[in-house]
Amino acid sequence: MVENLEKMLAKGRDDAMLRFGLGSAYFNDGKFPLAVTHLEACIAQDGSYSAAYKLLGKAYLKQGEPGKAISTFEAGMPIAEGQGDKQSRKEMQVFLGKAHKEMDNGQADL
């Protein structure tokens, strides 16, 4: 799947949905730096993509960057709320709590 998405990107198709698909695929493969790259690009193209904020925050946590995760979740929660995406907002709230705990404990293990 990743190969096909990368081919589409290489051919010039670059949109938020494609970037989210790549970010999600790389996240699921445990390739968090690549996931971050594509999820950041997704949000840059469509700042209202609430699912991208949630997954980007989780990727930051997996990379041991709870501070970036906190910022991402805090930015994404009002977007999700504004779109009526209550589930994403609730999930980001839970992960925000985990990120704060990791900051307090000086660890980044999700």
PDB file of N, CA and C in Angstrom:
ATOM      1  N   MET A   1       0.817  -1.192   0.000  1.00  0.00           N
ATOM      2  CA  MET A   1       0.000   0.000   0.000  1.00  0.00           C
ATOM      3  C   MET A   1       0.864   1.260   0.000  1.00  0.00           C
ATOM      4  N   VAL A   2       1.899   1.277   0.838  1.00  0.00           N
ATOM      5  CA  VAL A   2       2.762   2.451   0.923  1.00  0.00           C
ATOM      6  C   VAL A   2       3.392   2.738  -0.435  1.00  0.00           C
ATOM      7  N   GLU A   3       3.807   1.684  -1.136  1.00  0.00           N
ATOM      8  CA  GLU A   3       4.461   1.876  -2.425  1.00  0.00           C
ATOM      9  C   GLU A   3       3.533   2.587  -3.400  1.00  0.00           C
ATOM     10  N   ASN A   4       2.272   2.168  -3.439  1.00  0.00           N
ATOM     11  CA  ASN A   4       1.309   2.794  -4.343  1.00  0.00           C
ATOM     12  C   ASN A   4       1.076   4.255  -3.985  1.00  0.00           C
ATOM     13  N   LEU A   5       0.971   4.541  -2.702  1.00  0.00           N
ATOM     14  CA  LEU A   5       0.765   5.925  -2.274  1.00  0.00           C
ATOM     15  C   LEU A   5       1.984   6.782  -2.594  1.00  0.00           C
ATOM     16  N   GLU A   6       3.168   6.231  -2.383  1.00  0.00           N
ATOM     17  CA  GLU A   6       4.392   6.972  -2.709  1.00  0.00           C
ATOM     18  C   GLU A   6       4.489   7.238  -4.211  1.00  0.00           C
ATOM     19  N   LYS A   7       4.053   6.275  -5.031  1.00  0.00           N
ATOM     20  CA  LYS A   7       4.052   6.476  -6.483  1.00  0.00           C
ATOM     21  C   LYS A   7       3.114   7.613  -6.865  1.00  0.00           C
ATOM     22  N   MET A   8       1.950   7.658  -6.237  1.00  0.00           N
ATOM     23  CA  MET A   8       1.001   8.735  -6.521  1.00  0.00           C
ATOM     24  C   MET A   8       1.609  10.089  -6.162  1.00  0.00           C
ATOM     25  N   LEU A   9       2.278  10.146  -5.034  1.00  0.00           N
ATOM     26  CA  LEU A   9       2.919  11.387  -4.605  1.00  0.00           C
ATOM     27  C   LEU A   9       4.019  11.784  -5.589  1.00  0.00           C
ATOM     28  N   ALA A  10       4.799  10.812  -6.034  1.00  0.00           N
ATOM     29  CA  ALA A  10       5.889  11.083  -6.974  1.00  0.00           C
ATOM     30  C   ALA A  10       5.371  11.583  -8.321  1.00  0.00           C
ATOM     31  N   LYS A  11       4.151  11.177  -8.671  1.00  0.00           N
ATOM     32  CA  LYS A  11       3.559  11.611  -9.942  1.00  0.00           C
ATOM     33  C   LYS A  11       2.917  12.995  -9.839  1.00  0.00           C
ATOM     34  N   GLY A  12       3.010  13.607  -8.667  1.00  0.00           N
ATOM     35  CA  GLY A  12       2.506  14.969  -8.530  1.00  0.00           C
ATOM     36  C   GLY A  12       1.177  15.111  -7.825  1.00  0.00           C
ATOM     37  N   ARG A  13       0.572  14.011  -7.459  1.00  0.00           N
ATOM     38  CA  ARG A  13      -0.676  14.115  -6.702  1.00  0.00           C
ATOM     39  C   ARG A  13      -0.307  14.320  -5.238  1.00  0.00           C
ATOM     40  N   ASP A  14      -0.531  15.504  -4.753  1.00  0.00           N
ATOM     41  CA  ASP A  14      -0.163  15.817  -3.374  1.00  0.00           C
ATOM     42  C   ASP A  14      -1.337  16.526  -2.724  1.00  0.00           C
ATOM     43  N   ASP A  15      -2.072  15.794  -1.919  1.00  0.00           N
ATOM     44  CA  ASP A  15      -3.189  16.402  -1.207  1.00  0.00           C
ATOM     45  C   ASP A  15      -3.247  15.854   0.216  1.00  0.00           C
ATOM     46  N   ALA A  16      -4.091  16.453   1.018  1.00  0.00           N
ATOM     47  CA  ALA A  16      -4.159  16.095   2.434  1.00  0.00           C
ATOM     48  C   ALA A  16      -4.537  14.629   2.637  1.00  0.00           C
ATOM     49  N   MET A  17      -5.465  14.121   1.840  1.00  0.00           N
ATOM     50  CA  MET A  17      -5.903  12.735   2.009  1.00  0.00           C
ATOM     51  C   MET A  17      -4.761  11.760   1.714  1.00  0.00           C
ATOM     52  N   LEU A  18      -4.004  12.035   0.652  1.00  0.00           N
ATOM     53  CA  LEU A  18      -2.867  11.179   0.320  1.00  0.00           C
ATOM     54  C   LEU A  18      -1.825  11.229   1.433  1.00  0.00           C
ATOM     55  N   ARG A  19      -1.532  12.425   1.913  1.00  0.00           N
ATOM     56  CA  ARG A  19      -0.545  12.567   2.984  1.00  0.00           C
ATOM     57  C   ARG A  19      -1.011  11.866   4.257  1.00  0.00           C
ATOM     58  N   PHE A  20      -2.316  11.952   4.556  1.00  0.00           N
ATOM     59  CA  PHE A  20      -2.824  11.250   5.734  1.00  0.00           C
ATOM     60  C   PHE A  20      -2.683   9.741   5.544  1.00  0.00           C
ATOM     61  N   GLY A  21      -2.998   9.251   4.357  1.00  0.00           N
ATOM     62  CA  GLY A  21      -2.855   7.822   4.076  1.00  0.00           C
ATOM     63  C   GLY A  21      -1.424   7.348   4.256  1.00  0.00           C
ATOM     64  N   LEU A  22      -0.475   8.141   3.754  1.00  0.00           N
ATOM     65  CA  LEU A  22       0.936   7.793   3.929  1.00  0.00           C
ATOM     66  C   LEU A  22       1.337   7.854   5.398  1.00  0.00           C
ATOM     67  N   GLY A  23       0.914   8.906   6.078  1.00  0.00           N
ATOM     68  CA  GLY A  23       1.247   9.035   7.496  1.00  0.00           C
ATOM     69  C   GLY A  23       0.698   7.879   8.310  1.00  0.00           C
ATOM     70  N   SER A  24      -0.526   7.498   8.017  1.00  0.00           N
ATOM     71  CA  SER A  24      -1.162   6.391   8.725  1.00  0.00           C
ATOM     72  C   SER A  24      -0.450   5.071   8.437  1.00  0.00           C
ATOM     73  N   ALA A  25      -0.109   4.850   7.180  1.00  0.00           N
ATOM     74  CA  ALA A  25       0.576   3.607   6.810  1.00  0.00           C
ATOM     75  C   ALA A  25       1.947   3.521   7.481  1.00  0.00           C
ATOM     76  N   TYR A  26       2.687   4.616   7.460  1.00  0.00           N
ATOM     77  CA  TYR A  26       3.999   4.605   8.107  1.00  0.00           C
ATOM     78  C   TYR A  26       3.870   4.463   9.622  1.00  0.00           C
ATOM     79  N   PHE A  27       2.863   5.079  10.207  1.00  0.00           N
ATOM     80  CA  PHE A  27       2.631   4.925  11.648  1.00  0.00           C
ATOM     81  C   PHE A  27       2.395   3.452  11.973  1.00  0.00           C
ATOM     82  N   ASN A  28       1.522   2.811  11.205  1.00  0.00           N
ATOM     83  CA  ASN A  28       1.203   1.400  11.444  1.00  0.00           C
ATOM     84  C   ASN A  28       2.408   0.490  11.230  1.00  0.00           C
ATOM     85  N   ASP A  29       3.348   0.923  10.386  1.00  0.00           N
ATOM     86  CA  ASP A  29       4.584   0.163  10.157  1.00  0.00           C
ATOM     87  C   ASP A  29       5.658   0.484  11.192  1.00  0.00           C
ATOM     88  N   GLY A  30       5.357   1.396  12.116  1.00  0.00           N
ATOM     89  CA  GLY A  30       6.331   1.770  13.137  1.00  0.00           C
ATOM     90  C   GLY A  30       7.406   2.725  12.644  1.00  0.00           C
ATOM     91  N   LYS A  31       7.190   3.331  11.501  1.00  0.00           N
ATOM     92  CA  LYS A  31       8.148   4.285  10.919  1.00  0.00           C
ATOM     93  C   LYS A  31       7.687   5.702  11.273  1.00  0.00           C
ATOM     94  N   PHE A  32       7.874   6.037  12.535  1.00  0.00           N
ATOM     95  CA  PHE A  32       7.295   7.267  13.066  1.00  0.00           C
ATOM     96  C   PHE A  32       7.863   8.552  12.466  1.00  0.00           C
ATOM     97  N   PRO A  33       9.168   8.641  12.179  1.00  0.00           N
ATOM     98  CA  PRO A  33       9.652   9.873  11.537  1.00  0.00           C
ATOM     99  C   PRO A  33       8.994  10.126  10.173  1.00  0.00           C
ATOM    100  N   LEU A  34       8.799   9.074   9.388  1.00  0.00           N
ATOM    101  CA  LEU A  34       8.120   9.227   8.101  1.00  0.00           C
ATOM    102  C   LEU A  34       6.653   9.575   8.305  1.00  0.00           C
ATOM    103  N   ALA A  35       6.035   8.968   9.302  1.00  0.00           N
ATOM    104  CA  ALA A  35       4.643   9.302   9.612  1.00  0.00           C
ATOM    105  C   ALA A  35       4.522  10.779   9.953  1.00  0.00           C
ATOM    106  N   VAL A  36       5.419  11.273  10.791  1.00  0.00           N
ATOM    107  CA  VAL A  36       5.394  12.686  11.188  1.00  0.00           C
ATOM    108  C   VAL A  36       5.517  13.585   9.965  1.00  0.00           C
ATOM    109  N   THR A  37       6.440  13.268   9.077  1.00  0.00           N
ATOM    110  CA  THR A  37       6.642  14.088   7.876  1.00  0.00           C
ATOM    111  C   THR A  37       5.354  14.228   7.081  1.00  0.00           C
ATOM    112  N   HIS A  38       4.677  13.126   6.843  1.00  0.00           N
ATOM    113  CA  HIS A  38       3.471  13.155   6.019  1.00  0.00           C
ATOM    114  C   HIS A  38       2.274  13.744   6.766  1.00  0.00           C
ATOM    115  N   LEU A  39       2.177  13.494   8.046  1.00  0.00           N
ATOM    116  CA  LEU A  39       1.064  14.061   8.809  1.00  0.00           C
ATOM    117  C   LEU A  39       1.217  15.571   8.957  1.00  0.00           C
ATOM    118  N   GLU A  40       2.442  16.044   9.122  1.00  0.00           N
ATOM    119  CA  GLU A  40       2.663  17.493   9.156  1.00  0.00           C
ATOM    120  C   GLU A  40       2.283  18.121   7.818  1.00  0.00           C
ATOM    121  N   ALA A  41       2.626  17.441   6.718  1.00  0.00           N
ATOM    122  CA  ALA A  41       2.258  17.941   5.390  1.00  0.00           C
ATOM    123  C   ALA A  41       0.744  17.937   5.210  1.00  0.00           C
ATOM    124  N   CYS A  42       0.083  16.919   5.723  1.00  0.00           N
ATOM    125  CA  CYS A  42      -1.379  16.844   5.662  1.00  0.00           C
ATOM    126  C   CYS A  42      -2.004  18.057   6.337  1.00  0.00           C
ATOM    127  N   ILE A  43      -1.554  18.356   7.542  1.00  0.00           N
ATOM    128  CA  ILE A  43      -2.104  19.479   8.302  1.00  0.00           C
ATOM    129  C   ILE A  43      -1.763  20.806   7.630  1.00  0.00           C
ATOM    130  N   ALA A  44      -0.580  20.900   7.037  1.00  0.00           N
ATOM    131  CA  ALA A  44      -0.205  22.126   6.326  1.00  0.00           C
ATOM    132  C   ALA A  44      -1.138  22.377   5.144  1.00  0.00           C
ATOM    133  N   GLN A  45      -1.608  21.303   4.520  1.00  0.00           N
ATOM    134  CA  GLN A  45      -2.502  21.428   3.373  1.00  0.00           C
ATOM    135  C   GLN A  45      -3.957  21.604   3.790  1.00  0.00           C
ATOM    136  N   ASP A  46      -4.329  21.010   4.904  1.00  0.00           N
ATOM    137  CA  ASP A  46      -5.714  21.096   5.387  1.00  0.00           C
ATOM    138  C   ASP A  46      -5.691  21.133   6.908  1.00  0.00           C
ATOM    139  N   GLY A  47      -5.693  22.330   7.447  1.00  0.00           N
ATOM    140  CA  GLY A  47      -5.615  22.518   8.890  1.00  0.00           C
ATOM    141  C   GLY A  47      -6.839  22.063   9.652  1.00  0.00           C
ATOM    142  N   SER A  48      -7.865  21.604   8.937  1.00  0.00           N
ATOM    143  CA  SER A  48      -9.074  21.128   9.612  1.00  0.00           C
ATOM    144  C   SER A  48      -9.155  19.602   9.657  1.00  0.00           C
ATOM    145  N   TYR A  49      -8.093  18.920   9.306  1.00  0.00           N
ATOM    146  CA  TYR A  49      -8.065  17.455   9.251  1.00  0.00           C
ATOM    147  C   TYR A  49      -7.815  16.923  10.664  1.00  0.00           C
ATOM    148  N   SER A  50      -8.867  16.806  11.455  1.00  0.00           N
ATOM    149  CA  SER A  50      -8.721  16.478  12.879  1.00  0.00           C
ATOM    150  C   SER A  50      -8.065  15.119  13.115  1.00  0.00           C
ATOM    151  N   ALA A  51      -8.331  14.149  12.266  1.00  0.00           N
ATOM    152  CA  ALA A  51      -7.713  12.829  12.439  1.00  0.00           C
ATOM    153  C   ALA A  51      -6.194  12.913  12.296  1.00  0.00           C
ATOM    154  N   ALA A  52      -5.718  13.846  11.483  1.00  0.00           N
ATOM    155  CA  ALA A  52      -4.274  14.005  11.303  1.00  0.00           C
ATOM    156  C   ALA A  52      -3.631  14.540  12.577  1.00  0.00           C
ATOM    157  N   TYR A  53      -4.312  15.450  13.260  1.00  0.00           N
ATOM    158  CA  TYR A  53      -3.776  15.960  14.523  1.00  0.00           C
ATOM    159  C   TYR A  53      -3.647  14.827  15.541  1.00  0.00           C
ATOM    160  N   LYS A  54      -4.684  14.010  15.614  1.00  0.00           N
ATOM    161  CA  LYS A  54      -4.666  12.901  16.576  1.00  0.00           C
ATOM    162  C   LYS A  54      -3.508  11.947  16.290  1.00  0.00           C
ATOM    163  N   LEU A  55      -3.357  11.549  15.035  1.00  0.00           N
ATOM    164  CA  LEU A  55      -2.309  10.591  14.693  1.00  0.00           C
ATOM    165  C   LEU A  55      -0.924  11.224  14.794  1.00  0.00           C
ATOM    166  N   LEU A  56      -0.803  12.494  14.430  1.00  0.00           N
ATOM    167  CA  LEU A  56       0.486  13.177  14.550  1.00  0.00           C
ATOM    168  C   LEU A  56       0.908  13.256  16.016  1.00  0.00           C
ATOM    169  N   GLY A  57      -0.021  13.586  16.893  1.00  0.00           N
ATOM    170  CA  GLY A  57       0.301  13.619  18.315  1.00  0.00           C
ATOM    171  C   GLY A  57       0.753  12.263  18.825  1.00  0.00           C
ATOM    172  N   LYS A  58       0.075  11.211  18.383  1.00  0.00           N
ATOM    173  CA  LYS A  58       0.465   9.862  18.787  1.00  0.00           C
ATOM    174  C   LYS A  58       1.852   9.510  18.250  1.00  0.00           C
ATOM    175  N   ALA A  59       2.156   9.938  17.026  1.00  0.00           N
ATOM    176  CA  ALA A  59       3.481   9.675  16.454  1.00  0.00           C
ATOM    177  C   ALA A  59       4.561  10.403  17.250  1.00  0.00           C
ATOM    178  N   TYR A  60       4.277  11.635  17.649  1.00  0.00           N
ATOM    179  CA  TYR A  60       5.238  12.355  18.487  1.00  0.00           C
ATOM    180  C   TYR A  60       5.473  11.612  19.803  1.00  0.00           C
ATOM    181  N   LEU A  61       4.412  11.078  20.394  1.00  0.00           N
ATOM    182  CA  LEU A  61       4.578  10.305  21.627  1.00  0.00           C
ATOM    183  C   LEU A  61       5.454   9.083  21.383  1.00  0.00           C
ATOM    184  N   LYS A  62       5.213   8.399  20.290  1.00  0.00           N
ATOM    185  CA  LYS A  62       6.006   7.205  19.971  1.00  0.00           C
ATOM    186  C   LYS A  62       7.478   7.551  19.763  1.00  0.00           C
ATOM    187  N   GLN A  63       7.752   8.767  19.307  1.00  0.00           N
ATOM    188  CA  GLN A  63       9.135   9.212  19.091  1.00  0.00           C
ATOM    189  C   GLN A  63       9.765   9.776  20.354  1.00  0.00           C
ATOM    190  N   GLY A  64       9.007   9.812  21.440  1.00  0.00           N
ATOM    191  CA  GLY A  64       9.551  10.357  22.677  1.00  0.00           C
ATOM    192  C   GLY A  64       9.546  11.867  22.726  1.00  0.00           C
ATOM    193  N   GLU A  65       8.568  12.477  22.061  1.00  0.00           N
ATOM    194  CA  GLU A  65       8.452  13.931  22.026  1.00  0.00           C
ATOM    195  C   GLU A  65       7.105  14.376  22.608  1.00  0.00           C
ATOM    196  N   PRO A  66       6.915  14.197  23.920  1.00  0.00           N
ATOM    197  CA  PRO A  66       5.618  14.538  24.500  1.00  0.00           C
ATOM    198  C   PRO A  66       5.276  16.022  24.407  1.00  0.00           C
ATOM    199  N   GLY A  67       6.264  16.898  24.404  1.00  0.00           N
ATOM    200  CA  GLY A  67       5.981  18.327  24.281  1.00  0.00           C
ATOM    201  C   GLY A  67       5.316  18.660  22.960  1.00  0.00           C
ATOM    202  N   LYS A  68       5.829  18.076  21.880  1.00  0.00           N
ATOM    203  CA  LYS A  68       5.216  18.282  20.564  1.00  0.00           C
ATOM    204  C   LYS A  68       3.839  17.627  20.506  1.00  0.00           C
ATOM    205  N   ALA A  69       3.699  16.490  21.163  1.00  0.00           N
ATOM    206  CA  ALA A  69       2.399  15.818  21.198  1.00  0.00           C
ATOM    207  C   ALA A  69       1.370  16.701  21.894  1.00  0.00           C
ATOM    208  N   ILE A  70       1.763  17.302  23.005  1.00  0.00           N
ATOM    209  CA  ILE A  70       0.848  18.176  23.747  1.00  0.00           C
ATOM    210  C   ILE A  70       0.385  19.321  22.859  1.00  0.00           C
ATOM    211  N   SER A  71       1.311  19.976  22.197  1.00  0.00           N
ATOM    212  CA  SER A  71       0.957  21.096  21.312  1.00  0.00           C
ATOM    213  C   SER A  71       0.013  20.648  20.204  1.00  0.00           C
ATOM    214  N   THR A  72       0.281  19.481  19.651  1.00  0.00           N
ATOM    215  CA  THR A  72      -0.537  18.967  18.555  1.00  0.00           C
ATOM    216  C   THR A  72      -1.944  18.629  19.031  1.00  0.00           C
ATOM    217  N   PHE A  73      -2.057  17.927  20.152  1.00  0.00           N
ATOM    218  CA  PHE A  73      -3.381  17.597  20.673  1.00  0.00           C
ATOM    219  C   PHE A  73      -4.154  18.859  21.048  1.00  0.00           C
ATOM    220  N   GLU A  74      -3.468  19.823  21.660  1.00  0.00           N
ATOM    221  CA  GLU A  74      -4.140  21.068  22.047  1.00  0.00           C
ATOM    222  C   GLU A  74      -4.624  21.843  20.827  1.00  0.00           C
ATOM    223  N   ALA A  75      -3.896  21.765  19.733  1.00  0.00           N
ATOM    224  CA  ALA A  75      -4.328  22.421  18.497  1.00  0.00           C
ATOM    225  C   ALA A  75      -5.472  21.655  17.838  1.00  0.00           C
ATOM    226  N   GLY A  76      -5.435  20.338  17.923  1.00  0.00           N
ATOM    227  CA  GLY A  76      -6.423  19.511  17.235  1.00  0.00           C
ATOM    228  C   GLY A  76      -7.768  19.391  17.923  1.00  0.00           C
ATOM    229  N   MET A  77      -7.785  19.464  19.246  1.00  0.00           N
ATOM    230  CA  MET A  77      -9.055  19.266  19.967  1.00  0.00           C
ATOM    231  C   MET A  77     -10.123  20.290  19.590  1.00  0.00           C
ATOM    232  N   PRO A  78      -9.827  21.587  19.538  1.00  0.00           N
ATOM    233  CA  PRO A  78     -10.884  22.520  19.149  1.00  0.00           C
ATOM    234  C   PRO A  78     -11.320  22.351  17.691  1.00  0.00           C
ATOM    235  N   ILE A  79     -10.420  21.888  16.847  1.00  0.00           N
ATOM    236  CA  ILE A  79     -10.788  21.637  15.451  1.00  0.00           C
ATOM    237  C   ILE A  79     -11.772  20.482  15.387  1.00  0.00           C
ATOM    238  N   ALA A  80     -11.465  19.405  16.090  1.00  0.00           N
ATOM    239  CA  ALA A  80     -12.373  18.256  16.124  1.00  0.00           C
ATOM    240  C   ALA A  80     -13.720  18.662  16.714  1.00  0.00           C
ATOM    241  N   GLU A  81     -13.682  19.422  17.795  1.00  0.00           N
ATOM    242  CA  GLU A  81     -14.919  19.880  18.442  1.00  0.00           C
ATOM    243  C   GLU A  81     -15.752  20.721  17.479  1.00  0.00           C
ATOM    244  N   GLY A  82     -15.096  21.620  16.763  1.00  0.00           N
ATOM    245  CA  GLY A  82     -15.795  22.497  15.820  1.00  0.00           C
ATOM    246  C   GLY A  82     -16.435  21.751  14.670  1.00  0.00           C
ATOM    247  N   GLN A  83     -15.910  20.590  14.350  1.00  0.00           N
ATOM    248  CA  GLN A  83     -16.459  19.774  13.271  1.00  0.00           C
ATOM    249  C   GLN A  83     -17.464  18.748  13.780  1.00  0.00           C
ATOM    250  N   GLY A  84     -17.695  18.754  15.072  1.00  0.00           N
ATOM    251  CA  GLY A  84     -18.608  17.775  15.647  1.00  0.00           C
ATOM    252  C   GLY A  84     -18.000  16.389  15.776  1.00  0.00           C
ATOM    253  N   ASP A  85     -16.689  16.298  15.661  1.00  0.00           N
ATOM    254  CA  ASP A  85     -15.984  15.016  15.756  1.00  0.00           C
ATOM    255  C   ASP A  85     -15.646  14.761  17.225  1.00  0.00           C
ATOM    256  N   LYS A  86     -16.669  14.420  17.979  1.00  0.00           N
ATOM    257  CA  LYS A  86     -16.511  14.266  19.427  1.00  0.00           C
ATOM    258  C   LYS A  86     -15.597  13.108  19.795  1.00  0.00           C
ATOM    259  N   GLN A  87     -15.626  12.050  19.013  1.00  0.00           N
ATOM    260  CA  GLN A  87     -14.788  10.889  19.318  1.00  0.00           C
ATOM    261  C   GLN A  87     -13.309  11.244  19.210  1.00  0.00           C
ATOM    262  N   SER A  88     -12.922  11.910  18.128  1.00  0.00           N
ATOM    263  CA  SER A  88     -11.513  12.311  17.987  1.00  0.00           C
ATOM    264  C   SER A  88     -11.107  13.252  19.098  1.00  0.00           C
ATOM    265  N   ARG A  89     -11.990  14.161  19.457  1.00  0.00           N
ATOM    266  CA  ARG A  89     -11.683  15.104  20.522  1.00  0.00           C
ATOM    267  C   ARG A  89     -11.451  14.373  21.838  1.00  0.00           C
ATOM    268  N   LYS A  90     -12.320  13.402  22.139  1.00  0.00           N
ATOM    269  CA  LYS A  90     -12.168  12.627  23.377  1.00  0.00           C
ATOM    270  C   LYS A  90     -10.866  11.824  23.372  1.00  0.00           C
ATOM    271  N   GLU A  91     -10.560  11.223  22.239  1.00  0.00           N
ATOM    272  CA  GLU A  91      -9.323  10.442  22.146  1.00  0.00           C
ATOM    273  C   GLU A  91      -8.105  11.343  22.326  1.00  0.00           C
ATOM    274  N   MET A  92      -8.134  12.522  21.709  1.00  0.00           N
ATOM    275  CA  MET A  92      -7.012  13.448  21.880  1.00  0.00           C
ATOM    276  C   MET A  92      -6.889  13.894  23.328  1.00  0.00           C
ATOM    277  N   GLN A  93      -8.016  14.057  24.003  1.00  0.00           N
ATOM    278  CA  GLN A  93      -7.990  14.438  25.419  1.00  0.00           C
ATOM    279  C   GLN A  93      -7.294  13.357  26.248  1.00  0.00           C
ATOM    280  N   VAL A  94      -7.593  12.098  25.963  1.00  0.00           N
ATOM    281  CA  VAL A  94      -6.958  10.986  26.672  1.00  0.00           C
ATOM    282  C   VAL A  94      -5.454  10.978  26.404  1.00  0.00           C
ATOM    283  N   PHE A  95      -5.072  11.104  25.136  1.00  0.00           N
ATOM    284  CA  PHE A  95      -3.647  11.103  24.800  1.00  0.00           C
ATOM    285  C   PHE A  95      -2.939  12.342  25.322  1.00  0.00           C
ATOM    286  N   LEU A  96      -3.651  13.442  25.418  1.00  0.00           N
ATOM    287  CA  LEU A  96      -3.070  14.648  26.009  1.00  0.00           C
ATOM    288  C   LEU A  96      -2.693  14.381  27.462  1.00  0.00           C
ATOM    289  N   GLY A  97      -3.572  13.700  28.181  1.00  0.00           N
ATOM    290  CA  GLY A  97      -3.266  13.331  29.564  1.00  0.00           C
ATOM    291  C   GLY A  97      -2.034  12.442  29.652  1.00  0.00           C
ATOM    292  N   LYS A  98      -1.921  11.479  28.729  1.00  0.00           N
ATOM    293  CA  LYS A  98      -0.744  10.602  28.709  1.00  0.00           C
ATOM    294  C   LYS A  98       0.519  11.395  28.407  1.00  0.00           C
ATOM    295  N   ALA A  99       0.416  12.345  27.493  1.00  0.00           N
ATOM    296  CA  ALA A  99       1.583  13.158  27.136  1.00  0.00           C
ATOM    297  C   ALA A  99       2.035  13.997  28.326  1.00  0.00           C
ATOM    298  N   HIS A 100       1.074  14.555  29.061  1.00  0.00           N
ATOM    299  CA  HIS A 100       1.431  15.329  30.256  1.00  0.00           C
ATOM    300  C   HIS A 100       2.112  14.444  31.299  1.00  0.00           C
ATOM    301  N   LYS A 101       1.621  13.214  31.465  1.00  0.00           N
ATOM    302  CA  LYS A 101       2.248  12.287  32.410  1.00  0.00           C
ATOM    303  C   LYS A 101       3.679  11.984  31.996  1.00  0.00           C
ATOM    304  N   GLU A 102       3.882  11.787  30.702  1.00  0.00           N
ATOM    305  CA  GLU A 102       5.231  11.497  30.220  1.00  0.00           C
ATOM    306  C   GLU A 102       6.156  12.685  30.435  1.00  0.00           C
ATOM    307  N   MET A 103       5.636  13.877  30.245  1.00  0.00           N
ATOM    308  CA  MET A 103       6.443  15.076  30.503  1.00  0.00           C
ATOM    309  C   MET A 103       6.813  15.136  31.981  1.00  0.00           C
ATOM    310  N   ASP A 104       5.839  14.844  32.840  1.00  0.00           N
ATOM    311  CA  ASP A 104       6.071  14.896  34.284  1.00  0.00           C
ATOM    312  C   ASP A 104       7.053  13.819  34.742  1.00  0.00           C
ATOM    313  N   ASN A 105       6.985  12.663  34.101  1.00  0.00           N
ATOM    314  CA  ASN A 105       7.850  11.544  34.482  1.00  0.00           C
ATOM    315  C   ASN A 105       9.175  11.537  33.738  1.00  0.00           C
ATOM    316  N   GLY A 106       9.307  12.396  32.752  1.00  0.00           N
ATOM    317  CA  GLY A 106      10.540  12.434  31.974  1.00  0.00           C
ATOM    318  C   GLY A 106      10.739  11.212  31.110  1.00  0.00           C
ATOM    319  N   GLN A 107       9.638  10.577  30.743  1.00  0.00           N
ATOM    320  CA  GLN A 107       9.727   9.398  29.891  1.00  0.00           C
ATOM    321  C   GLN A 107       8.737   9.542  28.760  1.00  0.00           C
ATOM    322  N   ALA A 108       8.931   8.755  27.735  1.00  0.00           N
ATOM    323  CA  ALA A 108       8.056   8.827  26.570  1.00  0.00           C
ATOM    324  C   ALA A 108       7.711   7.428  26.089  1.00  0.00           C
ATOM    325  N   ASP A 109       7.072   6.667  26.934  1.00  0.00           N
ATOM    326  CA  ASP A 109       6.704   5.305  26.576  1.00  0.00           C
ATOM    327  C   ASP A 109       5.199   5.210  26.519  1.00  0.00           C
ATOM    328  N   LEU A 110       4.657   5.019  25.321  1.00  0.00           N
ATOM    329  CA  LEU A 110       3.202   4.955  25.146  1.00  0.00           C
ATOM    330  C   LEU A 110       2.760   3.509  25.104  1.00  0.00           C
TER     331      LEU A 110
END
